[in-house]
C-alpha atoms as a PDB file:
ATOM      1  CA  MET A   1      14.188   6.713 -10.783  1.00  0.00           C
ATOM      2  CA  MET A   2      11.548   8.242  -8.485  1.00  0.00           C
ATOM      3  CA  ASN A   3       9.918   4.795  -8.140  1.00  0.00           C
ATOM      4  CA  ASN A   4      13.140   3.406  -6.618  1.00  0.00           C
ATOM      5  CA  ILE A   5      13.296   6.310  -4.178  1.00  0.00           C
ATOM      6  CA  ILE A   6       9.705   5.631  -3.106  1.00  0.00           C
ATOM      7  CA  LEU A   7      10.510   1.952  -2.505  1.00  0.00           C
ATOM      8  CA  GLN A   8      13.569   2.941  -0.421  1.00  0.00           C
ATOM      9  CA  HIS A   9      11.379   5.136   1.810  1.00  0.00           C
ATOM     10  CA  LEU A  10       8.764   2.469   2.562  1.00  0.00           C
ATOM     11  CA  PRO A  11       8.952   1.814   6.315  1.00  0.00           C
ATOM     12  CA  TYR A  12       8.298  -1.943   6.110  1.00  0.00           C
ATOM     13  CA  LYS A  13      10.684  -4.866   6.420  1.00  0.00           C
ATOM     14  CA  SER A  14      10.633  -7.978   4.228  1.00  0.00           C
ATOM     15  CA  SER A  15       7.868 -10.059   5.866  1.00  0.00           C
ATOM     16  CA  PHE A  16       5.430  -7.138   5.974  1.00  0.00           C
ATOM     17  CA  ARG A  17       6.302  -5.233   2.811  1.00  0.00           C
ATOM     18  CA  PHE A  18       3.583  -5.770   0.237  1.00  0.00           C
ATOM     19  CA  VAL A  19       4.929  -3.738  -2.687  1.00  0.00           C
ATOM     20  CA  ASP A  20       6.996  -5.327  -5.463  1.00  0.00           C
ATOM     21  CA  ASN A  21       6.806  -2.602  -8.066  1.00  0.00           C
ATOM     22  CA  ILE A  22       5.517   0.909  -8.644  1.00  0.00           C
ATOM     23  CA  SER A  23       4.682   1.042 -12.361  1.00  0.00           C
ATOM     24  CA  SER A  24       3.388   4.617 -12.434  1.00  0.00           C
ATOM     25  CA  ILE A  25       3.097   7.488 -10.003  1.00  0.00           C
ATOM     26  CA  ASP A  26       2.278  11.173 -10.279  1.00  0.00           C
ATOM     27  CA  ASP A  27       0.544  13.896  -8.268  1.00  0.00           C
ATOM     28  CA  ASN A  28      -2.871  12.327  -8.902  1.00  0.00           C
ATOM     29  CA  GLY A  29      -2.307   8.638  -8.273  1.00  0.00           C
ATOM     30  CA  VAL A  30      -0.233   5.489  -8.284  1.00  0.00           C
ATOM     31  CA  THR A  31      -0.295   2.006  -9.781  1.00  0.00           C
ATOM     32  CA  GLY A  32       1.754  -0.818  -8.334  1.00  0.00           C
ATOM     33  CA  ASP A  33       1.717  -4.553  -7.867  1.00  0.00           C
ATOM     34  CA  TYR A  34       2.496  -7.318  -5.435  1.00  0.00           C
ATOM     35  CA  THR A  35       2.713 -11.096  -5.895  1.00  0.00           C
ATOM     36  CA  LEU A  36       1.626 -13.093  -2.867  1.00  0.00           C
ATOM     37  CA  GLN A  37       4.302 -15.558  -1.803  1.00  0.00           C
ATOM     38  CA  PRO A  38       2.883 -19.072  -1.277  1.00  0.00           C
ATOM     39  CA  ASP A  39       5.053 -19.511   1.835  1.00  0.00           C
ATOM     40  CA  ALA A  40       3.893 -16.241   3.485  1.00  0.00           C
ATOM     41  CA  PHE A  41       3.472 -16.520   7.258  1.00  0.00           C
ATOM     42  CA  PHE A  42      -0.307 -15.949   7.188  1.00  0.00           C
ATOM     43  CA  TYR A  43      -1.168 -18.891   4.899  1.00  0.00           C
ATOM     44  CA  LYS A  44      -0.149 -21.626   7.347  1.00  0.00           C
ATOM     45  CA  ASP A  45      -3.263 -21.211   9.477  1.00  0.00           C
ATOM     46  CA  HIS A  46      -5.655 -19.300   7.190  1.00  0.00           C
ATOM     47  CA  PHE A  47      -7.201 -21.721   6.328  1.00  0.00           C
ATOM     48  CA  GLU A  48      -5.602 -25.085   7.025  1.00  0.00           C
ATOM     49  CA  GLY A  49      -5.646 -27.113   3.830  1.00  0.00           C
ATOM     50  CA  HIS A  50      -7.217 -24.288   1.783  1.00  0.00           C
ATOM     51  CA  ALA A  51      -5.031 -21.194   1.993  1.00  0.00           C
ATOM     52  CA  VAL A  52      -6.894 -17.921   1.422  1.00  0.00           C
ATOM     53  CA  THR A  53      -5.401 -14.450   1.783  1.00  0.00           C
ATOM     54  CA  PRO A  54      -6.803 -12.742   4.903  1.00  0.00           C
ATOM     55  CA  GLY A  55      -8.833  -9.593   4.256  1.00  0.00           C
ATOM     56  CA  VAL A  56      -6.534  -7.599   6.497  1.00  0.00           C
ATOM     57  CA  ILE A  57      -3.583  -8.487   4.215  1.00  0.00           C
ATOM     58  CA  ILE A  58      -5.584  -7.362   1.174  1.00  0.00           C
ATOM     59  CA  LEU A  59      -6.265  -4.071   2.989  1.00  0.00           C
ATOM     60  CA  GLU A  60      -2.570  -3.753   3.851  1.00  0.00           C
ATOM     61  CA  ILE A  61      -1.502  -4.263   0.213  1.00  0.00           C
ATOM     62  CA  MET A  62      -4.020  -1.646  -0.916  1.00  0.00           C
ATOM     63  CA  ALA A  63      -2.880   0.786   1.779  1.00  0.00           C
ATOM     64  CA  GLN A  64       0.865   0.315   1.190  1.00  0.00           C
ATOM     65  CA  ILE A  65       0.593   0.934  -2.559  1.00  0.00           C
ATOM     66  CA  GLY A  66      -2.452   3.189  -2.704  1.00  0.00           C
ATOM     67  CA  VAL A  67      -1.844   5.516   0.232  1.00  0.00           C
ATOM     68  CA  VAL A  68       1.653   5.075   1.692  1.00  0.00           C
ATOM     69  CA  ALA A  69       3.609   5.016  -1.589  1.00  0.00           C
ATOM     70  CA  LEU A  70       1.577   7.921  -3.005  1.00  0.00           C
ATOM     71  CA  GLY A  71       1.830   9.876   0.255  1.00  0.00           C
ATOM     72  CA  ILE A  72       5.599   9.445   0.377  1.00  0.00           C
ATOM     73  CA  TYR A  73       5.835  10.563  -3.259  1.00  0.00           C
ATOM     74  CA  LEU A  74       3.766  13.691  -2.547  1.00  0.00           C
ATOM     75  CA  ILE A  75       5.806  14.581   0.543  1.00  0.00           C
ATOM     76  CA  LEU A  76       9.108  14.001  -1.262  1.00  0.00           C
ATOM     77  CA  ARG A  77       8.006  16.292  -4.098  1.00  0.00           C
ATOM     78  CA  GLN A  78       6.668  18.897  -1.707  1.00  0.00           C
ATOM     79  CA  ARG A  79       9.753  18.963   0.500  1.00  0.00           C
ATOM     80  CA  SER A  80      12.481  17.882  -1.954  1.00  0.00           C
ATOM     81  CA  VAL A  81      13.655  15.077   0.336  1.00  0.00           C
ATOM     82  CA  THR A  82      15.878  12.454  -1.296  1.00  0.00           C
ATOM     83  CA  ASP A  83      17.726  10.828   1.616  1.00  0.00           C
ATOM     84  CA  PRO A  84      16.260   7.343   2.243  1.00  0.00           C
ATOM     85  CA  GLU A  85      17.383   7.608   5.881  1.00  0.00           C
ATOM     86  CA  GLU A  86      14.652  10.201   6.427  1.00  0.00           C
ATOM     87  CA  ARG A  87      11.949   7.729   7.425  1.00  0.00           C
ATOM     88  CA  MET A  88       8.259   8.283   6.823  1.00  0.00           C
ATOM     89  CA  MET A  89       5.651   7.009   9.266  1.00  0.00           C
ATOM     90  CA  PRO A  90       2.275   6.162   7.697  1.00  0.00           C
ATOM     91  CA  LEU A  91      -0.763   6.258   9.957  1.00  0.00           C
ATOM     92  CA  LEU A  92      -3.976   4.934   8.432  1.00  0.00           C
ATOM     93  CA  THR A  93      -6.941   6.924   9.745  1.00  0.00           C
ATOM     94  CA  SER A  94      -9.913   5.343   7.953  1.00  0.00           C
ATOM     95  CA  THR A  95     -11.008   2.771   5.386  1.00  0.00           C
ATOM     96  CA  ASP A  96     -14.269   1.906   3.671  1.00  0.00           C
ATOM     97  CA  VAL A  97     -13.650  -1.127   1.462  1.00  0.00           C
ATOM     98  CA  SER A  98     -15.805  -3.698  -0.309  1.00  0.00           C
ATOM     99  CA  PHE A  99     -14.436  -7.154  -1.205  1.00  0.00           C
ATOM    100  CA  PHE A 100     -15.533  -8.972  -4.365  1.00  0.00           C
ATOM    101  CA  LYS A 101     -13.255 -11.975  -4.835  1.00  0.00           C
ATOM    102  CA  MET A 102     -11.042 -14.302  -2.803  1.00  0.00           C
ATOM    103  CA  VAL A 103      -7.281 -14.125  -3.278  1.00  0.00           C
ATOM    104  CA  PHE A 104      -5.004 -17.167  -3.147  1.00  0.00           C
ATOM    105  CA  PRO A 105      -1.267 -17.823  -2.695  1.00  0.00           C
ATOM    106  CA  GLY A 106       0.858 -16.961  -5.720  1.00  0.00           C
ATOM    107  CA  GLN A 107      -1.531 -14.446  -7.248  1.00  0.00           C
ATOM    108  CA  LYS A 108      -0.216 -11.169  -8.619  1.00  0.00           C
ATOM    109  CA  LEU A 109      -2.363  -8.214  -7.607  1.00  0.00           C
ATOM    110  CA  THR A 110      -2.381  -4.737  -9.120  1.00  0.00           C
ATOM    111  CA  VAL A 111      -3.449  -1.733  -7.085  1.00  0.00           C
ATOM    112  CA  THR A 112      -4.511   1.556  -8.622  1.00  0.00           C
ATOM    113  CA  SER A 113      -5.111   4.606  -6.470  1.00  0.00           C
ATOM    114  CA  ARG A 114      -6.619   7.971  -7.379  1.00  0.00           C
ATOM    115  CA  LYS A 115      -6.020  10.918  -5.059  1.00  0.00           C
ATOM    116  CA  GLU A 116      -9.138  12.630  -3.752  1.00  0.00           C
ATOM    117  CA  TYR A 117      -7.224  15.187  -1.696  1.00  0.00           C
ATOM    118  CA  PHE A 118      -3.886  15.833  -0.003  1.00  0.00           C
ATOM    119  CA  ARG A 119      -3.713  18.618   2.600  1.00  0.00           C
ATOM    120  CA  TYR A 120      -1.789  19.065   5.827  1.00  0.00           C
ATOM    121  CA  ASP A 121      -0.088  15.704   5.182  1.00  0.00           C
ATOM    122  CA  LYS A 122      -3.490  13.939   5.147  1.00  0.00           C
ATOM    123  CA  LEU A 123      -4.177  11.909   2.027  1.00  0.00           C
ATOM    124  CA  LYS A 124      -7.509  10.461   0.941  1.00  0.00           C
ATOM    125  CA  CYS A 125      -7.671   8.107  -2.059  1.00  0.00           C
ATOM    126  CA  PHE A 126     -10.030   5.853  -3.950  1.00  0.00           C
ATOM    127  CA  VAL A 127      -8.201   2.519  -4.323  1.00  0.00           C
ATOM    128  CA  GLU A 128      -8.937  -0.543  -6.470  1.00  0.00           C
ATOM    129  CA  MET A 129      -7.266  -3.949  -6.487  1.00  0.00           C
ATOM    130  CA  ARG A 130      -7.424  -6.299  -9.475  1.00  0.00           C
ATOM    131  CA  ASP A 131      -6.047  -9.782 -10.139  1.00  0.00           C
ATOM    132  CA  GLU A 132      -4.129 -11.080 -13.182  1.00  0.00           C
ATOM    133  CA  CYS A 133      -7.405 -11.499 -15.127  1.00  0.00           C
ATOM    134  CA  ASN A 134      -8.241  -7.834 -14.389  1.00  0.00           C
ATOM    135  CA  ASP A 135     -11.129  -8.965 -12.164  1.00  0.00           C
ATOM    136  CA  LEU A 136     -12.003  -6.600  -9.340  1.00  0.00           C
ATOM    137  CA  VAL A 137     -10.863  -8.004  -5.985  1.00  0.00           C
ATOM    138  CA  ALA A 138     -11.632  -5.022  -3.734  1.00  0.00           C
ATOM    139  CA  LYS A 139     -12.256  -1.291  -3.904  1.00  0.00           C
ATOM    140  CA  GLY A 140     -12.789   1.535  -1.488  1.00  0.00           C
ATOM    141  CA  THR A 141     -11.657   4.724   0.145  1.00  0.00           C
ATOM    142  CA  PHE A 142      -8.557   5.011   2.314  1.00  0.00           C
ATOM    143  CA  ALA A 143      -7.340   7.980   4.308  1.00  0.00           C
ATOM    144  CA  GLY A 144      -4.131   8.415   6.215  1.00  0.00           C
ATOM    145  CA  ILE A 145      -1.485  10.761   7.485  1.00  0.00           C
ATOM    146  CA  ILE A 146       2.141  10.468   6.399  1.00  0.00           C
ATOM    147  CA  LYS A 147       4.528  11.991   8.920  1.00  0.00           C
ATOM    148  CA  LYS A 148       8.232  12.572   8.336  1.00  0.00           C
ATOM    149  CA  ASN A 149      10.968  12.282  10.962  1.00  0.00           C
ATOM    150  CA  GLU A 150       8.704  12.146  13.978  1.00  0.00           C
ATOM    151  CA  LYS A 151       9.207   9.782  16.840  1.00  0.00           C
ATOM    152  CA  ILE A 152       5.961   8.246  18.015  1.00  0.00           C
ATOM    153  CA  GLN A 153       5.639   8.377  21.770  1.00  0.00           C
ATOM    154  CA  LEU A 154       3.719   5.434  23.172  1.00  0.00           C
ATOM    155  CA  PRO A 155       1.957   5.802  26.538  1.00  0.00           C
END
């Protein structure tokens, strides 16, 4: 039940939501997955004739599952928020990631995140991504701030 609530609070729309499923989540971490759609907008030109998932998309999948979903879970538990209309705004503050394998259209990726700390709405996690063969695709540290109900003022 909590997994559905987390998915409802994700602030992404269809073309930029990279979370299909949250298989486990608790105060210490999260595991979820995403299957790359062969017709995704970024494959057309990256690379023509040999589609490869851009590194920035791999980072985004890792961040959405490993930091945003876990951060929303922690805030919901901390503040007992259940209304999906109360939007959360994730702000990634730093990453340090190593890539080990290319990712292609149609692959299912699993992301596992382990919380290092969560204080003052700042979350730092160690995140790994693996493919269907359980081969390591990427791993690293992500940090971000999850804010609730704040309007971002742009200059």
